Amino acid sequence: MTQNTTSQNQSEQPIDQSDIIVGLDIGTTKIACLVGRRTENNKVHLLGYGISESLGVNRGVVSNIEKTVTSIRTAIAEAEKNSGVEIKVVNVGIAGQHISSIQHRGLLTRNNLEDEISKADIEALINDMTKLSMNPGEQIIHVLPQEYTVDNEQGIKDPVGMSGIRLEANFHIITGHVAAARNIYRCVTKAGLQVDNLVLEPLASSEAVLTEEEKEAGIALVDIGGGTTDIAIFQDGIIRHTAVIPFGGNAITDDIKQGCTIMRYQAEMLKKKFGSALSLEMKDNDVAVIPGLKGREPKEIKLTTLASIIQARMEEIIEHVYFEIKSSGFEKKLIGGIVITGGGSQMKHITQLFQYVTGMDCRIGYPNEHVSKSPNKELFLPMFSTGIGLVMKGFEGHSTHVSESKPVEKEVKPLEAPVEQPIVKQEKRGMAAFLNSVREWFETEE
């Protein structure tokens, strides 16, 4: 079956030999590796994928290096087998409760009024943001320009080509703990891979499930994972707010385990097969039967009880999400409402509960709009939004780092080293500096 899929993928590859990018989603419940290339119409052609159970990650943060390395190797090996691509460099997502964000305003005074504002001026302004003093152990991951002001003229999205002396900008700056990034980098390196980019996971998910029209209208993306719930708010096409809530689907599973006094794996199966976010939608006489332990009778669990447990935890998560939306100051400006994605979004009746608690329109975000071909329809499920988004983020900036087969390995080998040239993409400035500092630390330690 796998070989048939591989040959089919290879035969259906676009004629244009564009870059191949690999996204590695290191989550709390699973590690997913997706291999894709960009097609002529600027969509993603997924060539293959690999999935393994995540054994060493807790709430988005690596807690056991060796177990995580083993899981990464398993996912990579499966992806290589399915895609026919030899994977060397990956784009990795970063999340966890250590992620935080701040708003900051930057100022650049230019010397000549006659000269037009150039990209170099924008990059100088962004570089200044990467030098901000952070708390001990924290460093900037992303510097995201929001809007510019040129000589007191506000609300400018792209000032390049304009004239002016005083150039100001509002920035959304995302920070994270260096130790968490080092552990991710260590795991990927020990698995025999190189890290090309570290990308904040809600930013990757937003690439996969949101449209430009939604970002312009105003939208809140809620990515419910196993260990964390990530939030990204867009308005007027600009990222306005990001946040990470330190619990997700695993907290629901733990509640079911305790509330129904059953094994954890049984609680997970119950949640996936019979779970509902609204207890009123379940019938009073519906029950699920759980096999008893050795020598014990099977256990009957009413589905209304199961749904009540799930609803209580989901309401808590939604209330945290709604608090972040209100804290951003854009609650009344989100015409598009809320888009839910991630594995936790597959819960029955979850959109109804979101709408009930927040009063905002809501839909499930599927990562299929930007994908032209896929080896399996399973990849269109919300649980793969981050992985597909990481592939899309990898298209922004530079050439391929992986070879399709060993005969062409020599052609791409010079590109395997970390890229040191200036990053053109503005939002990658902080991320590049952050990743370079992690690389330098790792090389020094070795």
Protein backbone atom coordinates (compact mmCIF):
# COMPACT_ATOMS: atom_id res chain seq x y z
CA MET A 1 0.00 0.00 0.00
CA THR A 2 2.79 2.43 0.94
CA GLN A 3 4.81 1.73 -2.20
CA ASN A 4 1.75 2.26 -4.37
CA THR A 5 1.17 5.60 -2.69
CA THR A 6 4.81 6.58 -3.22
CA SER A 7 4.82 5.77 -6.91
CA GLN A 8 1.53 7.58 -7.36
CA ASN A 9 2.89 10.67 -5.60
CA GLN A 10 6.03 10.68 -7.71
CA SER A 11 4.12 10.29 -10.97
CA GLU A 12 1.73 13.11 -10.06
CA GLN A 13 4.39 15.62 -9.08
CA PRO A 14 4.15 18.96 -10.92
CA ILE A 15 6.46 19.44 -13.88
CA ASP A 16 7.91 22.56 -12.28
CA GLN A 17 10.59 21.23 -9.92
CA SER A 18 9.93 23.78 -7.20
CA ASP A 19 11.25 23.67 -3.67
CA ILE A 20 10.42 20.83 -1.33
CA ILE A 21 9.69 21.88 2.26
CA VAL A 22 9.22 19.74 5.36
CA GLY A 23 7.08 20.81 8.31
CA LEU A 24 7.63 19.11 11.68
CA ASP A 25 4.84 19.62 14.20
CA ILE A 26 6.12 18.51 17.63
CA GLY A 27 2.90 18.38 19.61
CA THR A 28 1.83 17.07 22.98
CA THR A 29 -0.15 14.13 21.61
CA LYS A 30 1.48 13.49 18.23
CA ILE A 31 4.50 14.35 16.11
CA ALA A 32 3.56 14.95 12.49
CA CYS A 33 5.99 15.34 9.60
CA LEU A 34 4.57 16.65 6.31
CA VAL A 35 6.48 16.90 3.04
CA GLY A 36 5.25 19.26 0.35
CA ARG A 37 6.21 21.32 -2.63
CA ARG A 38 4.73 24.47 -4.11
CA THR A 39 2.78 24.14 -7.34
CA GLU A 40 2.51 26.61 -10.20
CA ASN A 41 -0.71 28.10 -8.81
CA ASN A 42 1.03 28.76 -5.46
CA LYS A 43 -0.66 25.93 -3.60
CA VAL A 44 0.80 23.03 -1.65
CA HIS A 45 1.21 19.58 -3.17
CA LEU A 46 1.66 17.21 -0.24
CA LEU A 47 3.99 14.37 -1.22
CA GLY A 48 3.86 12.33 1.96
CA TYR A 49 3.57 12.39 5.71
CA GLY A 50 4.54 10.55 8.87
CA ILE A 51 2.85 10.42 12.28
CA SER A 52 4.09 9.07 15.59
CA GLU A 53 2.92 9.23 19.17
CA SER A 54 4.51 12.06 21.11
CA LEU A 55 6.06 10.47 24.18
CA GLY A 56 8.29 13.21 25.57
CA VAL A 57 6.32 16.46 25.21
CA ASN A 58 4.11 18.03 27.86
CA ARG A 59 1.97 21.11 27.20
CA GLY A 60 3.98 21.94 24.09
CA VAL A 61 7.35 21.76 25.87
CA VAL A 62 9.90 18.95 25.61
CA SER A 63 10.07 17.08 28.91
CA ASN A 64 12.07 14.01 27.81
CA ILE A 65 14.77 14.42 25.17
CA GLU A 66 15.34 10.76 24.27
CA LYS A 67 11.66 9.86 23.95
CA THR A 68 11.04 12.92 21.78
CA VAL A 69 14.01 12.08 19.55
CA THR A 70 12.67 8.53 19.09
CA SER A 71 9.23 9.86 18.16
CA ILE A 72 10.72 12.35 15.69
CA ARG A 73 12.78 9.63 14.00
CA THR A 74 9.71 7.43 13.66
CA ALA A 75 7.67 10.21 12.02
CA ILE A 76 10.55 11.22 9.73
CA ALA A 77 11.18 7.63 8.61
CA GLU A 78 7.51 7.15 7.75
CA ALA A 79 7.40 10.46 5.86
CA GLU A 80 10.53 9.56 3.87
CA LYS A 81 9.05 6.18 2.95
CA ASN A 82 5.71 7.63 1.86
CA SER A 83 7.09 10.61 -0.07
CA GLY A 84 10.28 9.23 -1.60
CA VAL A 85 12.09 12.32 -0.27
CA GLU A 86 15.26 12.23 1.80
CA ILE A 87 14.58 14.65 4.66
CA LYS A 88 17.47 16.70 5.98
CA VAL A 89 16.09 20.11 7.03
CA VAL A 90 12.77 20.87 8.69
CA ASN A 91 10.62 23.82 9.70
CA VAL A 92 9.62 23.32 13.32
CA GLY A 93 6.72 24.76 15.27
CA ILE A 94 7.17 26.20 18.74
CA ALA A 95 4.42 26.65 21.33
CA GLY A 96 3.87 26.18 25.06
CA GLN A 97 2.80 28.27 28.00
CA HIS A 98 6.18 30.04 28.03
CA ILE A 99 5.18 31.97 24.88
CA SER A 100 4.11 35.56 25.48
CA SER A 101 3.70 38.73 23.43
CA ILE A 102 4.15 42.47 23.86
CA GLN A 103 3.32 45.60 21.87
CA HIS A 104 6.14 48.04 21.19
CA ARG A 105 6.61 51.19 19.14
CA GLY A 106 9.76 51.87 17.17
CA LEU A 107 11.17 55.12 15.78
CA LEU A 108 13.70 55.83 13.02
CA THR A 109 14.83 59.36 12.17
CA ARG A 110 16.09 59.61 8.60
CA ASN A 111 18.72 62.11 7.45
CA ASN A 112 17.38 63.10 4.04
CA LEU A 113 13.82 64.10 3.22
CA GLU A 114 14.45 63.78 -0.52
CA ASP A 115 15.36 60.08 -0.42
CA GLU A 116 12.50 57.60 -0.54
CA ILE A 117 11.91 55.27 2.38
CA SER A 118 13.56 51.98 1.42
CA LYS A 119 13.39 48.38 2.55
CA ALA A 120 16.71 49.00 4.29
CA ASP A 121 15.02 51.61 6.49
CA ILE A 122 12.27 49.11 7.38
CA GLU A 123 14.85 46.45 8.19
CA ALA A 124 16.80 48.88 10.37
CA LEU A 125 13.63 49.64 12.32
CA ILE A 126 12.90 45.93 12.74
CA ASN A 127 16.49 45.21 13.78
CA ASP A 128 16.14 47.74 16.56
CA MET A 129 13.20 45.72 17.91
CA THR A 130 15.31 42.56 18.08
CA LYS A 131 17.67 44.38 20.47
CA LEU A 132 15.01 45.06 23.10
CA SER A 133 15.94 43.99 26.61
CA MET A 134 14.01 40.89 27.68
CA ASN A 135 13.58 39.19 31.03
CA PRO A 136 16.31 36.68 31.95
CA GLY A 137 15.91 33.47 29.96
CA GLU A 138 13.60 35.05 27.37
CA GLN A 139 14.34 36.06 23.81
CA ILE A 140 12.42 37.44 20.85
CA ILE A 141 11.05 34.85 18.42
CA HIS A 142 9.02 36.99 15.99
CA VAL A 143 8.94 40.71 15.24
CA LEU A 144 5.68 41.43 13.40
CA PRO A 145 5.16 44.97 12.00
CA GLN A 146 1.57 46.12 12.30
CA GLU A 147 1.28 49.59 10.83
CA TYR A 148 3.59 52.52 10.16
CA THR A 149 3.50 56.28 10.71
CA VAL A 150 5.42 58.63 8.41
CA ASP A 151 5.77 62.21 9.67
CA ASN A 152 2.58 61.88 11.76
CA GLU A 153 0.61 60.32 8.89
CA GLN A 154 -0.82 57.19 10.51
CA GLY A 155 -2.24 53.87 9.33
CA ILE A 156 0.30 53.17 6.57
CA LYS A 157 0.76 49.47 5.80
CA ASP A 158 3.74 49.78 3.43
CA PRO A 159 5.78 52.99 3.61
CA VAL A 160 8.40 51.95 1.02
CA GLY A 161 8.67 54.64 -1.66
CA MET A 162 7.27 57.43 0.50
CA SER A 163 9.18 60.52 1.60
CA GLY A 164 9.58 61.51 5.22
CA ILE A 165 12.01 62.12 8.05
CA ARG A 166 10.29 60.43 10.99
CA LEU A 167 9.41 56.76 10.45
CA GLU A 168 7.51 55.04 13.27
CA ALA A 169 5.89 51.62 13.55
CA ASN A 170 3.83 49.54 15.94
CA PHE A 171 5.23 46.05 16.45
CA HIS A 172 3.75 42.86 17.82
CA ILE A 173 6.68 41.07 19.44
CA ILE A 174 6.46 37.41 20.42
CA THR A 175 8.89 36.09 23.03
CA GLY A 176 9.69 32.67 24.41
CA HIS A 177 12.03 30.91 26.79
CA VAL A 178 15.41 30.15 25.25
CA ALA A 179 15.61 26.87 27.19
CA ALA A 180 12.42 25.55 25.53
CA ALA A 181 13.74 26.39 22.07
CA ARG A 182 17.10 24.81 22.90
CA ASN A 183 15.41 21.57 23.86
CA ILE A 184 13.44 21.49 20.60
CA TYR A 185 16.62 22.25 18.66
CA ARG A 186 18.51 19.55 20.57
CA CYS A 187 15.83 16.94 19.81
CA VAL A 188 15.72 17.73 16.10
CA THR A 189 19.52 17.77 15.83
CA LYS A 190 19.87 14.47 17.68
CA ALA A 191 17.39 12.99 15.22
CA GLY A 192 19.90 13.79 12.46
CA LEU A 193 18.11 16.86 11.09
CA GLN A 194 18.73 20.58 10.75
CA VAL A 195 16.31 23.29 11.85
CA ASP A 196 15.63 25.84 9.13
CA ASN A 197 13.01 27.95 10.93
CA LEU A 198 11.24 28.02 14.27
CA VAL A 199 7.67 29.22 13.74
CA LEU A 200 5.07 30.07 16.36
CA GLU A 201 2.42 27.38 15.89
CA PRO A 202 -0.70 29.60 15.81
CA LEU A 203 0.94 31.65 13.04
CA ALA A 204 1.52 28.45 11.08
CA SER A 205 -2.06 27.27 11.65
CA SER A 206 -3.42 30.62 10.51
CA GLU A 207 -1.58 30.24 7.20
CA ALA A 208 -3.31 26.91 6.61
CA VAL A 209 -6.92 27.67 7.59
CA LEU A 210 -7.55 31.43 7.25
CA THR A 211 -8.26 33.37 4.08
CA GLU A 212 -6.86 36.83 3.37
CA GLU A 213 -10.43 38.13 3.36
CA GLU A 214 -10.99 36.80 6.89
CA LYS A 215 -7.76 38.40 8.12
CA GLU A 216 -8.87 41.69 6.59
CA ALA A 217 -12.36 41.50 8.11
CA GLY A 218 -11.09 40.50 11.56
CA ILE A 219 -10.82 36.96 12.88
CA ALA A 220 -9.71 35.05 15.97
CA LEU A 221 -7.97 31.74 15.32
CA VAL A 222 -8.23 29.23 18.18
CA ASP A 223 -6.00 26.15 17.81
CA ILE A 224 -6.99 23.56 20.43
CA GLY A 225 -4.15 21.08 20.82
CA GLY A 226 -3.50 18.36 23.32
CA GLY A 227 -1.48 20.40 25.78
CA THR A 228 -2.21 24.03 24.91
CA THR A 229 -4.80 26.22 23.22
CA ASP A 230 -3.20 28.83 20.97
CA ILE A 231 -4.85 32.09 19.92
CA ALA A 232 -4.01 34.48 17.07
CA ILE A 233 -6.14 37.54 16.33
CA PHE A 234 -6.04 39.31 12.96
CA GLN A 235 -7.73 42.55 11.91
CA ASP A 236 -7.27 44.70 8.82
CA GLY A 237 -4.88 42.03 7.52
CA ILE A 238 -2.52 42.52 10.48
CA ILE A 239 -1.66 40.25 13.40
CA ARG A 240 -2.98 42.03 16.48
CA HIS A 241 -2.72 39.64 19.40
CA THR A 242 -1.34 36.20 20.27
CA ALA A 243 -1.71 34.12 23.42
CA VAL A 244 -1.22 30.57 24.69
CA ILE A 245 -3.59 28.96 27.20
CA PRO A 246 -1.76 26.18 29.11
CA PHE A 247 -4.34 23.41 28.69
CA GLY A 248 -6.22 21.70 25.90
CA GLY A 249 -7.62 18.30 24.96
CA ASN A 250 -5.50 16.36 27.45
CA ALA A 251 -7.11 18.25 30.32
CA ILE A 252 -10.51 17.02 29.11
CA THR A 253 -9.21 13.43 28.99
CA ASP A 254 -7.89 13.73 32.55
CA ASP A 255 -11.25 15.07 33.73
CA ILE A 256 -13.05 12.11 32.13
CA LYS A 257 -10.59 9.70 33.73
CA GLN A 258 -11.23 11.11 37.19
CA GLY A 259 -14.94 11.77 36.80
CA CYS A 260 -15.73 8.30 35.43
CA THR A 261 -12.97 6.47 37.39
CA ILE A 262 -11.59 4.69 34.35
CA MET A 263 -8.16 4.19 32.74
CA ARG A 264 -6.72 7.13 30.82
CA TYR A 265 -6.64 5.33 27.45
CA GLN A 266 -10.30 4.43 27.98
CA ALA A 267 -11.09 8.06 28.73
CA GLU A 268 -9.37 9.12 25.49
CA MET A 269 -11.35 6.56 23.48
CA LEU A 270 -14.59 7.68 25.08
CA LYS A 271 -13.86 11.31 24.29
CA LYS A 272 -13.08 10.63 20.64
CA LYS A 273 -15.95 8.24 19.96
CA PHE A 274 -18.81 9.55 22.10
CA GLY A 275 -17.68 12.96 23.33
CA SER A 276 -19.86 16.05 22.97
CA ALA A 277 -19.34 19.62 24.11
CA LEU A 278 -23.05 20.02 24.88
CA SER A 279 -24.72 17.73 27.41
CA LEU A 280 -28.21 18.80 26.28
CA GLU A 281 -27.57 17.20 22.89
CA MET A 282 -27.22 13.73 24.44
CA LYS A 283 -30.09 11.37 25.26
CA ASP A 284 -30.58 10.30 28.87
CA ASN A 285 -30.77 6.60 28.07
CA ASP A 286 -27.58 6.43 25.93
CA VAL A 287 -24.70 4.63 27.65
CA ALA A 288 -21.20 3.49 26.77
CA VAL A 289 -19.86 0.22 28.17
CA ILE A 290 -16.25 0.09 29.35
CA PRO A 291 -14.61 -3.34 29.86
CA GLY A 292 -13.74 -3.93 33.50
CA LEU A 293 -10.33 -4.81 34.83
CA LYS A 294 -9.46 -8.48 35.25
CA GLY A 295 -12.25 -10.28 37.09
CA ARG A 296 -14.46 -7.19 37.29
CA GLU A 297 -17.79 -6.37 35.68
CA PRO A 298 -17.96 -3.98 32.69
CA LYS A 299 -18.75 -0.38 33.58
CA GLU A 300 -21.64 1.60 32.08
CA ILE A 301 -21.19 5.35 31.64
CA LYS A 302 -24.11 7.60 30.70
CA LEU A 303 -23.25 9.80 27.72
CA THR A 304 -24.98 12.75 29.40
CA THR A 305 -22.49 12.40 32.27
CA LEU A 306 -19.60 12.21 29.80
CA ALA A 307 -20.82 15.30 27.96
CA SER A 308 -21.28 17.23 31.21
CA ILE A 309 -17.64 16.60 32.14
CA ILE A 310 -16.45 17.67 28.71
CA GLN A 311 -18.67 20.74 28.64
CA ALA A 312 -17.41 21.98 32.00
CA ARG A 313 -13.76 21.92 30.86
CA MET A 314 -14.55 23.28 27.38
CA GLU A 315 -16.43 26.21 28.89
CA GLU A 316 -13.36 27.01 30.97
CA ILE A 317 -11.15 26.95 27.86
CA ILE A 318 -13.61 29.10 25.91
CA GLU A 319 -13.83 31.62 28.74
CA HIS A 320 -10.03 31.96 28.68
CA VAL A 321 -10.18 32.43 24.91
CA TYR A 322 -12.90 35.07 25.23
CA PHE A 323 -10.89 36.88 27.90
CA GLU A 324 -7.92 37.11 25.49
CA ILE A 325 -10.19 38.37 22.70
CA LYS A 326 -11.58 41.10 24.96
CA SER A 327 -8.10 41.93 26.28
CA SER A 328 -6.88 42.50 22.72
CA GLY A 329 -9.34 45.36 22.30
CA PHE A 330 -10.65 43.97 19.00
CA GLU A 331 -13.72 42.10 20.25
CA LYS A 332 -16.14 44.40 18.39
CA LYS A 333 -14.00 44.49 15.23
CA LEU A 334 -13.85 40.76 14.48
CA ILE A 335 -16.39 40.54 11.67
CA GLY A 336 -15.28 37.01 10.84
CA GLY A 337 -15.78 35.79 14.39
CA ILE A 338 -13.82 32.74 15.52
CA VAL A 339 -12.20 29.91 13.58
CA ILE A 340 -11.46 26.77 15.61
CA THR A 341 -8.84 24.28 14.47
CA GLY A 342 -6.52 21.66 15.95
CA GLY A 343 -7.40 18.19 17.20
CA GLY A 344 -9.69 19.56 19.91
CA SER A 345 -11.92 21.22 17.31
CA GLN A 346 -13.19 17.81 16.18
CA MET A 347 -15.37 17.53 19.28
CA LYS A 348 -19.09 17.31 18.48
CA HIS A 349 -21.15 20.49 19.00
CA ILE A 350 -18.06 22.58 19.79
CA THR A 351 -19.08 25.43 17.49
CA GLN A 352 -22.45 25.71 19.22
CA LEU A 353 -20.77 25.97 22.63
CA PHE A 354 -18.34 28.63 21.36
CA GLN A 355 -21.21 30.65 19.96
CA TYR A 356 -23.21 30.28 23.18
CA VAL A 357 -20.35 31.44 25.45
CA THR A 358 -18.91 34.22 23.26
CA GLY A 359 -21.89 35.32 21.18
CA MET A 360 -19.60 35.35 18.11
CA ASP A 361 -19.89 33.55 14.79
CA CYS A 362 -17.82 30.40 14.64
CA ARG A 363 -16.63 27.78 12.14
CA ILE A 364 -14.20 24.86 12.05
CA GLY A 365 -10.95 25.54 10.17
CA TYR A 366 -9.87 22.79 7.78
CA PRO A 367 -6.40 23.02 6.14
CA ASN A 368 -7.61 22.08 2.66
CA GLU A 369 -8.03 25.43 0.94
CA HIS A 370 -4.35 25.88 0.11
CA VAL A 371 -3.62 22.21 -0.71
CA SER A 372 -3.87 21.05 -4.32
CA LYS A 373 -3.07 17.35 -3.81
CA SER A 374 -2.67 15.07 -0.84
CA PRO A 375 -1.78 11.36 -0.48
CA ASN A 376 -4.53 10.95 2.10
CA LYS A 377 -7.75 12.84 2.89
CA GLU A 378 -6.91 12.39 6.58
CA LEU A 379 -4.46 15.30 6.19
CA PHE A 380 -7.40 17.67 5.68
CA LEU A 381 -8.47 17.18 9.30
CA PRO A 382 -7.97 20.17 11.64
CA MET A 383 -5.33 18.24 13.63
CA PHE A 384 -2.89 18.75 10.71
CA SER A 385 -3.40 22.51 10.37
CA THR A 386 -0.11 23.34 12.08
CA GLY A 387 1.90 20.84 10.04
CA ILE A 388 0.54 22.13 6.72
CA GLY A 389 1.02 25.70 7.90
CA LEU A 390 4.68 24.98 8.66
CA VAL A 391 5.15 23.78 5.09
CA MET A 392 3.52 26.95 3.80
CA LYS A 393 5.69 29.11 6.06
CA GLY A 394 8.75 27.32 4.68
CA PHE A 395 7.91 28.57 1.19
CA GLU A 396 8.43 32.16 2.34
CA GLY A 397 12.01 32.97 1.66
CA HIS A 398 14.53 30.54 0.30
CA SER A 399 15.46 27.42 -1.63
CA THR A 400 15.02 23.74 -0.96
CA HIS A 401 17.03 21.97 1.71
CA VAL A 402 16.07 18.42 0.92
CA SER A 403 16.74 16.12 -1.99
CA GLU A 404 14.27 13.85 -3.66
CA SER A 405 16.78 11.07 -4.08
CA LYS A 406 20.41 10.38 -3.31
CA PRO A 407 21.70 11.01 -6.86
CA VAL A 408 20.80 14.72 -6.56
CA GLU A 409 22.16 15.03 -3.03
CA LYS A 410 25.34 16.78 -4.20
CA GLU A 411 23.33 19.52 -5.88
CA VAL A 412 21.65 20.59 -2.64
CA LYS A 413 24.49 19.88 -0.22
CA PRO A 414 25.87 23.48 -0.22
CA LEU A 415 22.49 24.66 1.05
CA GLU A 416 22.48 22.35 4.07
CA ALA A 417 24.46 24.76 6.24
CA PRO A 418 22.49 27.33 8.25
CA VAL A 419 21.56 30.28 6.05
CA GLU A 420 23.48 33.37 7.16
CA GLN A 421 22.41 35.91 4.53
CA PRO A 422 19.92 38.63 5.54
CA ILE A 423 16.32 37.50 5.73
CA VAL A 424 14.14 39.50 3.35
CA LYS A 425 10.83 38.52 4.94
CA GLN A 426 10.21 41.16 7.63
CA GLU A 427 8.46 38.96 10.16
CA LYS A 428 11.37 36.50 10.17
CA ARG A 429 13.88 38.98 11.59
CA GLY A 430 13.33 38.20 15.23
CA MET A 431 12.92 34.51 14.53
CA ALA A 432 16.21 34.34 12.60
CA ALA A 433 18.13 36.04 15.41
CA PHE A 434 16.50 33.78 17.97
CA LEU A 435 17.30 30.62 16.02
CA ASN A 436 20.88 31.73 15.35
CA SER A 437 21.45 32.27 19.08
CA VAL A 438 20.13 28.76 19.76
CA ARG A 439 22.42 27.33 17.07
CA GLU A 440 25.44 29.16 18.47
CA TRP A 441 24.71 27.87 21.97
CA PHE A 442 24.33 24.33 20.72
CA GLU A 443 27.57 24.45 18.67
CA THR A 444 29.45 25.91 21.65
CA GLU A 445 28.13 23.17 23.95
CA GLU A 446 29.24 20.49 21.49
